[in-house]
Protein backbone atom coordinates (compact mmCIF):
# COMPACT_ATOMS: atom_id res chain seq x y z
CA MET A 1 -132.42 -68.00 0.72
CA PRO A 2 -129.55 -67.38 3.17
CA ASP A 3 -126.32 -65.74 2.03
CA LEU A 4 -122.89 -66.93 3.04
CA ALA A 5 -119.62 -64.99 3.02
CA VAL A 6 -116.33 -66.85 2.63
CA ARG A 7 -113.36 -65.17 4.28
CA GLY A 8 -109.69 -66.01 4.08
CA LEU A 9 -109.81 -67.36 0.53
CA SER A 10 -106.30 -67.42 -0.94
CA GLU A 11 -105.67 -65.77 -4.31
CA GLN A 12 -104.56 -69.15 -5.69
CA LEU A 13 -107.76 -70.91 -4.62
CA HIS A 14 -109.83 -68.02 -6.01
CA ARG A 15 -108.07 -68.32 -9.40
CA GLU A 16 -108.55 -72.10 -9.42
CA LEU A 17 -112.25 -71.80 -8.64
CA LYS A 18 -112.72 -69.17 -11.36
CA ALA A 19 -110.93 -71.41 -13.87
CA ALA A 20 -113.09 -74.39 -12.87
CA ALA A 21 -116.21 -72.25 -13.22
CA ARG A 22 -115.20 -71.26 -16.75
CA ARG A 23 -114.48 -74.91 -17.68
CA ASN A 24 -117.88 -75.95 -16.33
CA HIS A 25 -119.72 -72.98 -17.91
CA ARG A 26 -120.83 -71.68 -14.51
CA SER A 27 -120.55 -68.46 -12.60
CA LEU A 28 -118.11 -68.47 -9.69
CA ASN A 29 -121.07 -68.61 -7.32
CA GLY A 30 -122.58 -71.52 -9.29
CA GLU A 31 -119.28 -73.43 -9.15
CA ILE A 32 -118.99 -72.97 -5.40
CA LEU A 33 -122.62 -74.02 -4.86
CA ALA A 34 -122.16 -77.12 -7.05
CA ARG A 35 -119.06 -78.15 -5.13
CA LEU A 36 -120.65 -77.54 -1.74
CA THR A 37 -123.75 -79.48 -2.76
CA ALA A 38 -121.67 -82.39 -4.05
CA SER A 39 -119.64 -82.49 -0.85
CA VAL A 40 -122.64 -82.73 1.48
CA ARG A 41 -125.01 -84.74 -0.73
CA PRO A 42 -122.93 -87.32 -2.52
CA GLY A 43 -125.33 -89.70 -4.15
CA PRO A 44 -124.98 -92.83 -6.20
CA VAL A 45 -123.83 -92.24 -9.74
CA ASP A 46 -126.10 -93.47 -12.50
CA PRO A 47 -123.64 -94.72 -15.14
CA GLU A 48 -126.09 -94.31 -18.02
CA ALA A 49 -126.90 -90.72 -17.03
CA LEU A 50 -123.19 -89.99 -16.67
CA LEU A 51 -122.42 -91.39 -20.12
CA GLU A 52 -125.24 -89.34 -21.61
CA ARG A 53 -123.90 -86.14 -20.00
CA ILE A 54 -120.44 -86.94 -21.36
CA ARG A 55 -121.84 -87.59 -24.85
CA ARG A 56 -123.81 -84.31 -24.84
CA ARG A 57 -120.83 -82.35 -23.57
CA HIS A 58 -118.50 -83.72 -26.25
CA ALA A 59 -120.96 -84.00 -29.12
CA GLY A 60 -119.66 -80.87 -30.83
CA LEU A 61 -116.02 -81.90 -30.70
CA GLY A 62 -116.13 -84.51 -33.43
CA PRO A 63 -113.62 -87.31 -33.80
CA VAL A 64 -110.05 -86.81 -32.68
CA ASP A 65 -107.51 -88.17 -35.11
CA LEU A 66 -103.98 -88.19 -33.76
CA ASP A 67 -101.21 -89.99 -35.53
CA GLU A 68 -98.24 -91.24 -33.56
CA ALA A 69 -95.96 -88.33 -34.52
CA THR A 70 -98.55 -85.72 -33.45
CA LEU A 71 -99.23 -87.52 -30.19
CA ARG A 72 -95.50 -87.76 -29.39
CA GLY A 73 -95.06 -84.09 -30.25
CA LEU A 74 -97.86 -83.06 -27.88
CA ARG A 75 -96.42 -85.28 -25.13
CA ASP A 76 -92.94 -83.81 -25.55
CA LYS A 77 -94.30 -80.25 -25.58
CA GLY A 78 -96.12 -80.89 -22.30
CA ARG A 79 -92.98 -82.32 -20.75
CA ARG A 80 -90.93 -79.29 -21.85
CA GLU A 81 -93.53 -76.90 -20.42
CA GLU A 82 -93.57 -78.83 -17.13
CA ARG A 83 -89.75 -78.71 -16.85
CA GLU A 84 -89.83 -74.96 -17.54
CA ARG A 85 -92.50 -74.39 -14.86
CA ARG A 86 -90.44 -76.33 -12.34
CA ARG A 87 -87.29 -74.41 -13.27
CA GLU A 88 -89.16 -71.16 -12.62
CA GLY A 89 -90.41 -72.47 -9.28
CA GLY A 90 -94.04 -72.59 -10.32
CA ARG A 91 -96.53 -75.16 -9.16
CA PRO A 92 -97.69 -77.73 -11.67
CA PRO A 93 -101.21 -77.20 -12.97
CA ARG A 94 -103.99 -79.03 -11.17
CA ALA A 95 -104.80 -82.41 -12.61
CA GLN A 96 -107.47 -82.34 -15.27
CA GLY A 97 -110.28 -84.82 -15.17
CA GLN A 98 -111.04 -84.63 -11.48
CA TRP A 99 -114.70 -85.46 -11.66
CA THR A 100 -117.45 -84.41 -9.32
CA PRO A 101 -121.06 -85.62 -9.61
CA ASP A 102 -122.34 -82.19 -10.75
CA GLU A 103 -119.94 -81.74 -13.68
């Protein structure tokens, strides 16, 4: 199998790829291969298979019970953290939920 070296990778992109690999329970190499494969071989999405993968992935989480006060508190906390990041000149975190076929 051929090897490929990637040069000129920014530190930021490297950190983001490593974080995505952790979220997807992959090695950094596995994450890069999954993304490259998805970008050159996009196929039709089978909705039933996708739903099954989602169910398996979230099976251990159990039900989420948020009352209105808790939900508002979490929303306000996120807004405060975002304002603080902007005040410090930091970039906002990448959007969660960006789906690729191999996730």
